[in-house]
Structure formats: structure tokens, C-alpha cells
């Protein structure tokens, strides 16, 4: 609401990019799975698991139909959480700096 009042609506996606990517990963996975199920008779996936943070936690299984295979080894949950926090903080700082510049 505050962003709309000061006419900075375009900064909202920058501030919420981590959450947006988490949501979009689920939408892409479901859409791609349904599309490949119709086209090839078996569903294929983009990520090992969605939302996106679960993709990094899950190890790559042999013979899985996954487009994005990296990382092969799972990353501990605490490391993923800290990395997402850092990205969120950097995006918040970028949003704040952009808000102050204009």
C-alpha cells in the first residue's frame, strides 16, 4: 500500500524476488509436468522437487527425468536458509537504495 502511495510499485517485485521465485518454480514444475505427460506419455520435471529450496535439499536420483540436475549432492537446509536470507537482505537493500535515489 505504501509503495502505491509513493508511486514505487515496480520495487515490490525486487523486494519479494525470493518469494516470487519460490512460487514460480512450483508453477513451472506443474505446467511442464502436465505438458510432457500429454506430449510424451510420461511426466518430466524441471526441478528435483519444488518449491525451489527443496530442489537444493534433495539428492539426484539415478534415472530421474529432471532438466536441472545441479547440485548433484544435497545442500544442508541451514546453508540454504542462510543463502536465501542473504539474497533477501541484498534485495531489500537494493530496493531501499533505489527508493532513496529517486
PDB file of N, CA and C in Angstrom:
ATOM      1  N   UNK A   1       0.825  -1.182   0.000  1.00  0.00           N
ATOM      2  CA  UNK A   1       0.000   0.000   0.000  1.00  0.00           C
ATOM      3  C   UNK A   1       0.875   1.255   0.000  1.00  0.00           C
ATOM      4  N   UNK A   2       1.926   1.228   0.830  1.00  0.00           N
ATOM      5  CA  UNK A   2       2.816   2.374   0.913  1.00  0.00           C
ATOM      6  C   UNK A   2       3.517   2.613  -0.426  1.00  0.00           C
ATOM      7  N   UNK A   3       3.927   1.524  -1.096  1.00  0.00           N
ATOM      8  CA  UNK A   3       4.603   1.654  -2.392  1.00  0.00           C
ATOM      9  C   UNK A   3       3.688   2.299  -3.428  1.00  0.00           C
ATOM     10  N   UNK A   4       2.415   1.987  -3.366  1.00  0.00           N
ATOM     11  CA  UNK A   4       1.461   2.576  -4.307  1.00  0.00           C
ATOM     12  C   UNK A   4       1.285   4.061  -4.023  1.00  0.00           C
ATOM     13  N   UNK A   5       1.253   4.423  -2.745  1.00  0.00           N
ATOM     14  CA  UNK A   5       1.085   5.831  -2.379  1.00  0.00           C
ATOM     15  C   UNK A   5       2.245   6.693  -2.852  1.00  0.00           C
ATOM     16  N   UNK A   6       3.461   6.149  -2.810  1.00  0.00           N
ATOM     17  CA  UNK A   6       4.623   6.941  -3.230  1.00  0.00           C
ATOM     18  C   UNK A   6       5.039   6.627  -4.676  1.00  0.00           C
ATOM     19  N   UNK A   7       4.176   5.883  -5.399  1.00  0.00           N
ATOM     20  CA  UNK A   7       4.367   5.556  -6.812  1.00  0.00           C
ATOM     21  C   UNK A   7       5.656   4.775  -7.078  1.00  0.00           C
ATOM     22  N   UNK A   8       5.924   3.789  -6.265  1.00  0.00           N
ATOM     23  CA  UNK A   8       7.099   2.919  -6.433  1.00  0.00           C
ATOM     24  C   UNK A   8       6.668   1.457  -6.522  1.00  0.00           C
ATOM     25  N   UNK A   9       5.600   1.198  -7.267  1.00  0.00           N
ATOM     26  CA  UNK A   9       5.048  -0.155  -7.356  1.00  0.00           C
ATOM     27  C   UNK A   9       6.032  -1.143  -7.962  1.00  0.00           C
ATOM     28  N   UNK A  10       6.895  -0.675  -8.838  1.00  0.00           N
ATOM     29  CA  UNK A  10       7.830  -1.569  -9.515  1.00  0.00           C
ATOM     30  C   UNK A  10       8.935  -2.086  -8.594  1.00  0.00           C
ATOM     31  N   UNK A  11       9.068  -1.512  -7.418  1.00  0.00           N
ATOM     32  CA  UNK A  11      10.069  -2.003  -6.471  1.00  0.00           C
ATOM     33  C   UNK A  11       9.569  -3.203  -5.672  1.00  0.00           C
ATOM     34  N   UNK A  12       8.272  -3.444  -5.669  1.00  0.00           N
ATOM     35  CA  UNK A  12       7.712  -4.569  -4.908  1.00  0.00           C
ATOM     36  C   UNK A  12       8.248  -5.908  -5.418  1.00  0.00           C
ATOM     37  N   UNK A  13       8.289  -6.162  -6.748  1.00  0.00           N
ATOM     38  CA  UNK A  13       8.857  -7.437  -7.200  1.00  0.00           C
ATOM     39  C   UNK A  13      10.332  -7.613  -6.842  1.00  0.00           C
ATOM     40  N   UNK A  14      11.094  -6.531  -6.833  1.00  0.00           N
ATOM     41  CA  UNK A  14      12.506  -6.626  -6.449  1.00  0.00           C
ATOM     42  C   UNK A  14      12.616  -7.029  -4.986  1.00  0.00           C
ATOM     43  N   UNK A  15      11.810  -6.422  -4.147  1.00  0.00           N
ATOM     44  CA  UNK A  15      11.836  -6.723  -2.718  1.00  0.00           C
ATOM     45  C   UNK A  15      11.415  -8.161  -2.441  1.00  0.00           C
ATOM     46  N   UNK A  16      10.474  -8.668  -3.198  1.00  0.00           N
ATOM     47  CA  UNK A  16       9.895 -10.000  -2.952  1.00  0.00           C
ATOM     48  C   UNK A  16      10.411 -11.054  -3.925  1.00  0.00           C
ATOM     49  N   UNK A  17      11.567 -10.853  -4.532  1.00  0.00           N
ATOM     50  CA  UNK A  17      12.049 -11.750  -5.573  1.00  0.00           C
ATOM     51  C   UNK A  17      12.239 -13.188  -5.091  1.00  0.00           C
ATOM     52  N   UNK A  18      12.734 -13.382  -3.879  1.00  0.00           N
ATOM     53  CA  UNK A  18      12.943 -14.741  -3.361  1.00  0.00           C
ATOM     54  C   UNK A  18      11.614 -15.485  -3.279  1.00  0.00           C
ATOM     55  N   UNK A  19      10.600 -14.845  -2.736  1.00  0.00           N
ATOM     56  CA  UNK A  19       9.285 -15.474  -2.613  1.00  0.00           C
ATOM     57  C   UNK A  19       8.661 -15.698  -3.991  1.00  0.00           C
ATOM     58  N   UNK A  20       8.877 -14.749  -4.888  1.00  0.00           N
ATOM     59  CA  UNK A  20       8.359 -14.868  -6.247  1.00  0.00           C
ATOM     60  C   UNK A  20       8.977 -16.073  -6.964  1.00  0.00           C
ATOM     61  N   UNK A  21      10.293 -16.253  -6.831  1.00  0.00           N
ATOM     62  CA  UNK A  21      10.959 -17.389  -7.468  1.00  0.00           C
ATOM     63  C   UNK A  21      10.486 -18.719  -6.889  1.00  0.00           C
ATOM     64  N   UNK A  22      10.232 -18.750  -5.584  1.00  0.00           N
ATOM     65  CA  UNK A  22       9.704 -19.965  -4.955  1.00  0.00           C
ATOM     66  C   UNK A  22       8.346 -20.320  -5.562  1.00  0.00           C
ATOM     67  N   UNK A  23       7.484 -19.325  -5.729  1.00  0.00           N
ATOM     68  CA  UNK A  23       6.151 -19.569  -6.293  1.00  0.00           C
ATOM     69  C   UNK A  23       6.219 -19.950  -7.769  1.00  0.00           C
ATOM     70  N   UNK A  24       7.046 -19.246  -8.523  1.00  0.00           N
ATOM     71  CA  UNK A  24       7.157 -19.512  -9.954  1.00  0.00           C
ATOM     72  C   UNK A  24       7.739 -20.902 -10.209  1.00  0.00           C
ATOM     73  N   UNK A  25       8.645 -21.360  -9.340  1.00  0.00           N
ATOM     74  CA  UNK A  25       9.212 -22.698  -9.530  1.00  0.00           C
ATOM     75  C   UNK A  25       8.125 -23.770  -9.460  1.00  0.00           C
ATOM     76  N   UNK A  26       7.160 -23.593  -8.567  1.00  0.00           N
ATOM     77  CA  UNK A  26       6.054 -24.552  -8.460  1.00  0.00           C
ATOM     78  C   UNK A  26       5.182 -24.495  -9.715  1.00  0.00           C
ATOM     79  N   UNK A  27       4.864 -23.282 -10.172  1.00  0.00           N
ATOM     80  CA  UNK A  27       4.022 -23.142 -11.363  1.00  0.00           C
ATOM     81  C   UNK A  27       4.696 -23.735 -12.600  1.00  0.00           C
ATOM     82  N   UNK A  28       5.996 -23.484 -12.758  1.00  0.00           N
ATOM     83  CA  UNK A  28       6.727 -24.047 -13.886  1.00  0.00           C
ATOM     84  C   UNK A  28       6.764 -25.569 -13.827  1.00  0.00           C
ATOM     85  N   UNK A  29       7.013 -26.108 -12.638  1.00  0.00           N
ATOM     86  CA  UNK A  29       7.096 -27.560 -12.478  1.00  0.00           C
ATOM     87  C   UNK A  29       5.771 -28.226 -12.850  1.00  0.00           C
ATOM     88  N   UNK A  30       4.671 -27.697 -12.343  1.00  0.00           N
ATOM     89  CA  UNK A  30       3.352 -28.287 -12.606  1.00  0.00           C
ATOM     90  C   UNK A  30       3.007 -28.175 -14.089  1.00  0.00           C
ATOM     91  N   UNK A  31       3.218 -26.999 -14.663  1.00  0.00           N
ATOM     92  CA  UNK A  31       2.908 -26.804 -16.077  1.00  0.00           C
ATOM     93  C   UNK A  31       3.745 -27.686 -16.988  1.00  0.00           C
ATOM     94  N   UNK A  32       5.043 -27.759 -16.724  1.00  0.00           N
ATOM     95  CA  UNK A  32       5.933 -28.578 -17.550  1.00  0.00           C
ATOM     96  C   UNK A  32       5.612 -30.060 -17.397  1.00  0.00           C
ATOM     97  N   UNK A  33       5.288 -30.488 -16.183  1.00  0.00           N
ATOM     98  CA  UNK A  33       4.945 -31.894 -15.945  1.00  0.00           C
ATOM     99  C   UNK A  33       3.689 -32.273 -16.727  1.00  0.00           C
ATOM    100  N   UNK A  34       2.674 -31.417 -16.685  1.00  0.00           N
ATOM    101  CA  UNK A  34       1.430 -31.704 -17.412  1.00  0.00           C
ATOM    102  C   UNK A  34       1.661 -31.703 -18.924  1.00  0.00           C
ATOM    103  N   UNK A  35       2.466 -30.759 -19.395  1.00  0.00           N
ATOM    104  CA  UNK A  35       2.769 -30.679 -20.828  1.00  0.00           C
ATOM    105  C   UNK A  35       3.504 -31.929 -21.307  1.00  0.00           C
ATOM    106  N   UNK A  36       4.542 -32.351 -20.594  1.00  0.00           N
ATOM    107  CA  UNK A  36       5.313 -33.521 -21.018  1.00  0.00           C
ATOM    108  C   UNK A  36       4.523 -34.814 -20.849  1.00  0.00           C
ATOM    109  N   UNK A  37       3.606 -34.835 -19.902  1.00  0.00           N
ATOM    110  CA  UNK A  37       2.761 -36.023 -19.738  1.00  0.00           C
ATOM    111  C   UNK A  37       1.855 -36.192 -20.960  1.00  0.00           C
ATOM    112  N   UNK A  38       1.325 -35.077 -21.469  1.00  0.00           N
ATOM    113  CA  UNK A  38       0.492 -35.139 -22.676  1.00  0.00           C
ATOM    114  C   UNK A  38       1.326 -35.475 -23.910  1.00  0.00           C
ATOM    115  N   UNK A  39       2.493 -34.845 -24.027  1.00  0.00           N
ATOM    116  CA  UNK A  39       3.299 -34.989 -25.235  1.00  0.00           C
ATOM    117  C   UNK A  39       4.021 -36.334 -25.313  1.00  0.00           C
ATOM    118  N   UNK A  40       4.648 -36.773 -24.216  1.00  0.00           N
ATOM    119  CA  UNK A  40       5.480 -37.973 -24.231  1.00  0.00           C
ATOM    120  C   UNK A  40       4.850 -39.175 -23.532  1.00  0.00           C
ATOM    121  N   UNK A  41       3.746 -38.980 -22.831  1.00  0.00           N
ATOM    122  CA  UNK A  41       3.118 -40.080 -22.112  1.00  0.00           C
ATOM    123  C   UNK A  41       3.649 -40.282 -20.708  1.00  0.00           C
ATOM    124  N   UNK A  42       4.739 -39.619 -20.384  1.00  0.00           N
ATOM    125  CA  UNK A  42       5.283 -39.652 -19.023  1.00  0.00           C
ATOM    126  C   UNK A  42       5.674 -38.239 -18.624  1.00  0.00           C
ATOM    127  N   UNK A  43       5.429 -37.902 -17.382  1.00  0.00           N
ATOM    128  CA  UNK A  43       5.738 -36.563 -16.919  1.00  0.00           C
ATOM    129  C   UNK A  43       7.215 -36.394 -16.632  1.00  0.00           C
ATOM    130  N   UNK A  44       7.765 -35.278 -17.060  1.00  0.00           N
ATOM    131  CA  UNK A  44       9.157 -34.929 -16.768  1.00  0.00           C
ATOM    132  C   UNK A  44       9.148 -33.674 -15.916  1.00  0.00           C
ATOM    133  N   UNK A  45      10.233 -33.474 -15.199  1.00  0.00           N
ATOM    134  CA  UNK A  45      10.301 -32.354 -14.264  1.00  0.00           C
ATOM    135  C   UNK A  45      11.451 -31.414 -14.612  1.00  0.00           C
ATOM    136  N   UNK A  46      11.301 -30.163 -14.200  1.00  0.00           N
ATOM    137  CA  UNK A  46      12.377 -29.185 -14.338  1.00  0.00           C
ATOM    138  C   UNK A  46      13.301 -29.293 -13.134  1.00  0.00           C
ATOM    139  N   UNK A  47      12.722 -29.346 -11.940  1.00  0.00           N
ATOM    140  CA  UNK A  47      13.469 -29.415 -10.690  1.00  0.00           C
ATOM    141  C   UNK A  47      13.290 -30.793 -10.062  1.00  0.00           C
ATOM    142  N   UNK A  48      14.196 -31.151  -9.159  1.00  0.00           N
ATOM    143  CA  UNK A  48      14.066 -32.427  -8.454  1.00  0.00           C
ATOM    144  C   UNK A  48      12.827 -32.425  -7.576  1.00  0.00           C
ATOM    145  N   UNK A  49      12.534 -31.279  -6.969  1.00  0.00           N
ATOM    146  CA  UNK A  49      11.360 -31.107  -6.113  1.00  0.00           C
ATOM    147  C   UNK A  49      11.099 -29.610  -6.002  1.00  0.00           C
ATOM    148  N   UNK A  50       9.843 -29.243  -5.836  1.00  0.00           N
ATOM    149  CA  UNK A  50       9.522 -27.832  -5.630  1.00  0.00           C
ATOM    150  C   UNK A  50       8.815 -27.668  -4.303  1.00  0.00           C
ATOM    151  N   UNK A  51       8.806 -26.496  -3.703  1.00  0.00           N
ATOM    152  CA  UNK A  51       9.389 -25.223  -4.091  1.00  0.00           C
ATOM    153  C   UNK A  51      10.916 -25.315  -4.238  1.00  0.00           C
ATOM    154  N   UNK A  52      11.484 -24.279  -4.780  1.00  0.00           N
ATOM    155  CA  UNK A  52      12.879 -24.277  -5.207  1.00  0.00           C
ATOM    156  C   UNK A  52      13.853 -24.686  -4.108  1.00  0.00           C
ATOM    157  N   UNK A  53      13.604 -24.280  -2.867  1.00  0.00           N
ATOM    158  CA  UNK A  53      14.562 -24.611  -1.809  1.00  0.00           C
ATOM    159  C   UNK A  53      14.644 -26.116  -1.570  1.00  0.00           C
ATOM    160  N   UNK A  54      13.577 -26.862  -1.860  1.00  0.00           N
ATOM    161  CA  UNK A  54      13.620 -28.319  -1.718  1.00  0.00           C
ATOM    162  C   UNK A  54      14.468 -28.958  -2.815  1.00  0.00           C
ATOM    163  N   UNK A  55      14.577 -28.313  -3.953  1.00  0.00           N
ATOM    164  CA  UNK A  55      15.416 -28.821  -5.045  1.00  0.00           C
ATOM    165  C   UNK A  55      16.864 -28.934  -4.578  1.00  0.00           C
ATOM    166  N   UNK A  56      17.311 -27.970  -3.800  1.00  0.00           N
ATOM    167  CA  UNK A  56      18.692 -27.977  -3.328  1.00  0.00           C
ATOM    168  C   UNK A  56      18.917 -28.992  -2.212  1.00  0.00           C
ATOM    169  N   UNK A  57      17.866 -29.383  -1.501  1.00  0.00           N
ATOM    170  CA  UNK A  57      17.982 -30.335  -0.393  1.00  0.00           C
ATOM    171  C   UNK A  57      17.998 -31.782  -0.854  1.00  0.00           C
ATOM    172  N   UNK A  58      17.392 -32.069  -1.980  1.00  0.00           N
ATOM    173  CA  UNK A  58      17.200 -33.449  -2.422  1.00  0.00           C
ATOM    174  C   UNK A  58      18.386 -33.922  -3.260  1.00  0.00           C
ATOM    175  N   UNK A  59      18.909 -35.122  -2.979  1.00  0.00           N
ATOM    176  CA  UNK A  59      19.989 -35.656  -3.823  1.00  0.00           C
ATOM    177  C   UNK A  59      19.445 -36.092  -5.182  1.00  0.00           C
ATOM    178  N   UNK A  60      20.300 -36.114  -6.186  1.00  0.00           N
ATOM    179  CA  UNK A  60      19.899 -36.536  -7.527  1.00  0.00           C
ATOM    180  C   UNK A  60      19.783 -38.054  -7.555  1.00  0.00           C
ATOM    181  N   UNK A  61      18.611 -38.532  -7.924  1.00  0.00           N
ATOM    182  CA  UNK A  61      18.378 -39.970  -8.000  1.00  0.00           C
ATOM    183  C   UNK A  61      18.747 -40.478  -9.390  1.00  0.00           C
ATOM    184  N   UNK A  62      19.258 -41.693  -9.452  1.00  0.00           N
ATOM    185  CA  UNK A  62      19.650 -42.279 -10.736  1.00  0.00           C
ATOM    186  C   UNK A  62      18.418 -42.490 -11.609  1.00  0.00           C
ATOM    187  N   UNK A  63      18.539 -42.124 -12.865  1.00  0.00           N
ATOM    188  CA  UNK A  63      17.450 -42.333 -13.812  1.00  0.00           C
ATOM    189  C   UNK A  63      16.293 -41.364 -13.701  1.00  0.00           C
ATOM    190  N   UNK A  64      16.473 -40.265 -13.000  1.00  0.00           N
ATOM    191  CA  UNK A  64      15.374 -39.311 -12.853  1.00  0.00           C
ATOM    192  C   UNK A  64      15.295 -38.406 -14.082  1.00  0.00           C
ATOM    193  N   UNK A  65      14.078 -38.090 -14.503  1.00  0.00           N
ATOM    194  CA  UNK A  65      13.840 -37.205 -15.645  1.00  0.00           C
ATOM    195  C   UNK A  65      13.769 -35.766 -15.162  1.00  0.00           C
ATOM    196  N   UNK A  66      14.922 -35.183 -14.887  1.00  0.00           N
ATOM    197  CA  UNK A  66      14.995 -33.822 -14.364  1.00  0.00           C
ATOM    198  C   UNK A  66      15.851 -32.996 -15.313  1.00  0.00           C
ATOM    199  N   UNK A  67      15.368 -31.809 -15.694  1.00  0.00           N
ATOM    200  CA  UNK A  67      16.147 -30.940 -16.576  1.00  0.00           C
ATOM    201  C   UNK A  67      17.330 -30.301 -15.855  1.00  0.00           C
ATOM    202  N   UNK A  68      17.079 -29.748 -14.668  1.00  0.00           N
ATOM    203  CA  UNK A  68      18.125 -29.048 -13.923  1.00  0.00           C
ATOM    204  C   UNK A  68      18.673 -30.004 -12.879  1.00  0.00           C
ATOM    205  N   UNK A  69      19.808 -30.623 -13.153  1.00  0.00           N
ATOM    206  CA  UNK A  69      20.356 -31.678 -12.311  1.00  0.00           C
ATOM    207  C   UNK A  69      21.291 -31.170 -11.211  1.00  0.00           C
ATOM    208  N   UNK A  70      21.676 -29.927 -11.241  1.00  0.00           N
ATOM    209  CA  UNK A  70      22.632 -29.406 -10.259  1.00  0.00           C
ATOM    210  C   UNK A  70      21.921 -28.814  -9.066  1.00  0.00           C
ATOM    211  N   UNK A  71      22.398 -28.935  -7.872  1.00  0.00           N
ATOM    212  CA  UNK A  71      23.586 -29.665  -7.443  1.00  0.00           C
ATOM    213  C   UNK A  71      23.308 -31.163  -7.356  1.00  0.00           C
ATOM    214  N   UNK A  72      24.328 -31.962  -7.626  1.00  0.00           N
ATOM    215  CA  UNK A  72      24.180 -33.415  -7.562  1.00  0.00           C
ATOM    216  C   UNK A  72      24.065 -33.853  -6.111  1.00  0.00           C
ATOM    217  N   UNK A  73      24.913 -33.298  -5.258  1.00  0.00           N
ATOM    218  CA  UNK A  73      24.870 -33.615  -3.828  1.00  0.00           C
ATOM    219  C   UNK A  73      23.944 -32.638  -3.116  1.00  0.00           C
ATOM    220  N   UNK A  74      23.207 -33.113  -2.110  1.00  0.00           N
ATOM    221  CA  UNK A  74      22.296 -32.210  -1.389  1.00  0.00           C
ATOM    222  C   UNK A  74      23.057 -31.164  -0.575  1.00  0.00           C
ATOM    223  N   UNK A  75      22.440 -30.010  -0.409  1.00  0.00           N
ATOM    224  CA  UNK A  75      22.992 -28.926   0.406  1.00  0.00           C
ATOM    225  C   UNK A  75      22.222 -28.922   1.718  1.00  0.00           C
ATOM    226  N   UNK A  76      22.914 -28.783   2.855  1.00  0.00           N
ATOM    227  CA  UNK A  76      22.203 -28.761   4.142  1.00  0.00           C
ATOM    228  C   UNK A  76      21.182 -27.621   4.210  1.00  0.00           C
ATOM    229  N   UNK A  77      20.081 -27.887   4.898  1.00  0.00           N
ATOM    230  CA  UNK A  77      18.986 -26.919   4.984  1.00  0.00           C
ATOM    231  C   UNK A  77      19.438 -25.594   5.588  1.00  0.00           C
ATOM    232  N   UNK A  78      20.284 -25.652   6.606  1.00  0.00           N
ATOM    233  CA  UNK A  78      20.740 -24.416   7.253  1.00  0.00           C
ATOM    234  C   UNK A  78      21.511 -23.531   6.279  1.00  0.00           C
ATOM    235  N   UNK A  79      22.309 -24.125   5.414  1.00  0.00           N
ATOM    236  CA  UNK A  79      23.072 -23.352   4.430  1.00  0.00           C
ATOM    237  C   UNK A  79      22.134 -22.715   3.395  1.00  0.00           C
ATOM    238  N   UNK A  80      21.102 -23.445   2.998  1.00  0.00           N
ATOM    239  CA  UNK A  80      20.123 -22.909   2.043  1.00  0.00           C
ATOM    240  C   UNK A  80      19.381 -21.727   2.652  1.00  0.00           C
ATOM    241  N   UNK A  81      18.966 -21.873   3.910  1.00  0.00           N
ATOM    242  CA  UNK A  81      18.228 -20.807   4.594  1.00  0.00           C
ATOM    243  C   UNK A  81      19.080 -19.552   4.695  1.00  0.00           C
ATOM    244  N   UNK A  82      20.340 -19.708   5.085  1.00  0.00           N
ATOM    245  CA  UNK A  82      21.226 -18.544   5.214  1.00  0.00           C
ATOM    246  C   UNK A  82      21.440 -17.875   3.857  1.00  0.00           C
ATOM    247  N   UNK A  83      21.610 -18.661   2.816  1.00  0.00           N
ATOM    248  CA  UNK A  83      21.797 -18.078   1.481  1.00  0.00           C
ATOM    249  C   UNK A  83      20.556 -17.321   1.019  1.00  0.00           C
ATOM    250  N   UNK A  84      19.387 -17.878   1.284  1.00  0.00           N
ATOM    251  CA  UNK A  84      18.151 -17.177   0.918  1.00  0.00           C
ATOM    252  C   UNK A  84      17.997 -15.899   1.741  1.00  0.00           C
ATOM    253  N   UNK A  85      18.379 -15.930   3.008  1.00  0.00           N
ATOM    254  CA  UNK A  85      18.342 -14.719   3.837  1.00  0.00           C
ATOM    255  C   UNK A  85      19.266 -13.654   3.256  1.00  0.00           C
ATOM    256  N   UNK A  86      20.478 -14.054   2.886  1.00  0.00           N
ATOM    257  CA  UNK A  86      21.443 -13.096   2.341  1.00  0.00           C
ATOM    258  C   UNK A  86      20.898 -12.467   1.062  1.00  0.00           C
ATOM    259  N   UNK A  87      20.348 -13.285   0.183  1.00  0.00           N
ATOM    260  CA  UNK A  87      19.765 -12.754  -1.056  1.00  0.00           C
ATOM    261  C   UNK A  87      18.606 -11.816  -0.733  1.00  0.00           C
ATOM    262  N   UNK A  88      17.760 -12.193   0.229  1.00  0.00           N
ATOM    263  CA  UNK A  88      16.641 -11.339   0.629  1.00  0.00           C
ATOM    264  C   UNK A  88      17.101 -10.008   1.204  1.00  0.00           C
ATOM    265  N   UNK A  89      18.142 -10.047   2.023  1.00  0.00           N
ATOM    266  CA  UNK A  89      18.687  -8.814   2.610  1.00  0.00           C
ATOM    267  C   UNK A  89      19.293  -7.925   1.526  1.00  0.00           C
ATOM    268  N   UNK A  90      20.028  -8.531   0.590  1.00  0.00           N
ATOM    269  CA  UNK A  90      20.610  -7.747  -0.503  1.00  0.00           C
ATOM    270  C   UNK A  90      19.530  -7.116  -1.380  1.00  0.00           C
ATOM    271  N   UNK A  91      18.473  -7.858  -1.640  1.00  0.00           N
ATOM    272  CA  UNK A  91      17.368  -7.301  -2.432  1.00  0.00           C
ATOM    273  C   UNK A  91      16.641  -6.189  -1.678  1.00  0.00           C
ATOM    274  N   UNK A  92      16.490  -6.355  -0.367  1.00  0.00           N
ATOM    275  CA  UNK A  92      15.870  -5.294   0.438  1.00  0.00           C
ATOM    276  C   UNK A  92      16.739  -4.038   0.423  1.00  0.00           C
ATOM    277  N   UNK A  93      18.054  -4.223   0.534  1.00  0.00           N
ATOM    278  CA  UNK A  93      18.965  -3.077   0.490  1.00  0.00           C
ATOM    279  C   UNK A  93      18.915  -2.401  -0.881  1.00  0.00           C
ATOM    280  N   UNK A  94      18.885  -3.205  -1.939  1.00  0.00           N
ATOM    281  CA  UNK A  94      18.786  -2.651  -3.287  1.00  0.00           C
ATOM    282  C   UNK A  94      17.491  -1.866  -3.467  1.00  0.00           C
ATOM    283  N   UNK A  95      16.408  -2.395  -2.935  1.00  0.00           N
ATOM    284  CA  UNK A  95      15.121  -1.700  -3.011  1.00  0.00           C
ATOM    285  C   UNK A  95      15.174  -0.383  -2.252  1.00  0.00           C
ATOM    286  N   UNK A  96      15.762  -0.415  -1.068  1.00  0.00           N
ATOM    287  CA  UNK A  96      15.853   0.796  -0.254  1.00  0.00           C
ATOM    288  C   UNK A  96      16.728   1.848  -0.930  1.00  0.00           C
ATOM    289  N   UNK A  97      17.865   1.424  -1.484  1.00  0.00           N
ATOM    290  CA  UNK A  97      18.762   2.364  -2.169  1.00  0.00           C
ATOM    291  C   UNK A  97      18.068   2.953  -3.397  1.00  0.00           C
ATOM    292  N   UNK A  98      17.383   2.116  -4.147  1.00  0.00           N
ATOM    293  CA  UNK A  98      16.653   2.599  -5.320  1.00  0.00           C
ATOM    294  C   UNK A  98      15.557   3.573  -4.918  1.00  0.00           C
ATOM    295  N   UNK A  99      14.915   3.307  -3.806  1.00  0.00           N
ATOM    296  CA  UNK A  99      13.869   4.191  -3.299  1.00  0.00           C
ATOM    297  C   UNK A  99      14.448   5.553  -2.936  1.00  0.00           C
ATOM    298  N   UNK A 100      15.629   5.561  -2.334  1.00  0.00           N
ATOM    299  CA  UNK A 100      16.253   6.815  -1.919  1.00  0.00           C
ATOM    300  C   UNK A 100      16.825   7.600  -3.094  1.00  0.00           C
ATOM    301  N   UNK A 101      17.278   6.906  -4.133  1.00  0.00           N
ATOM    302  CA  UNK A 101      17.878   7.588  -5.281  1.00  0.00           C
ATOM    303  C   UNK A 101      16.841   8.411  -6.025  1.00  0.00           C
ATOM    304  N   UNK A 102      15.674   7.855  -6.219  1.00  0.00           N
ATOM    305  CA  UNK A 102      14.638   8.538  -6.989  1.00  0.00           C
ATOM    306  C   UNK A 102      13.925   9.453  -6.071  1.00  0.00           C
TER     307      UNK A 102
END
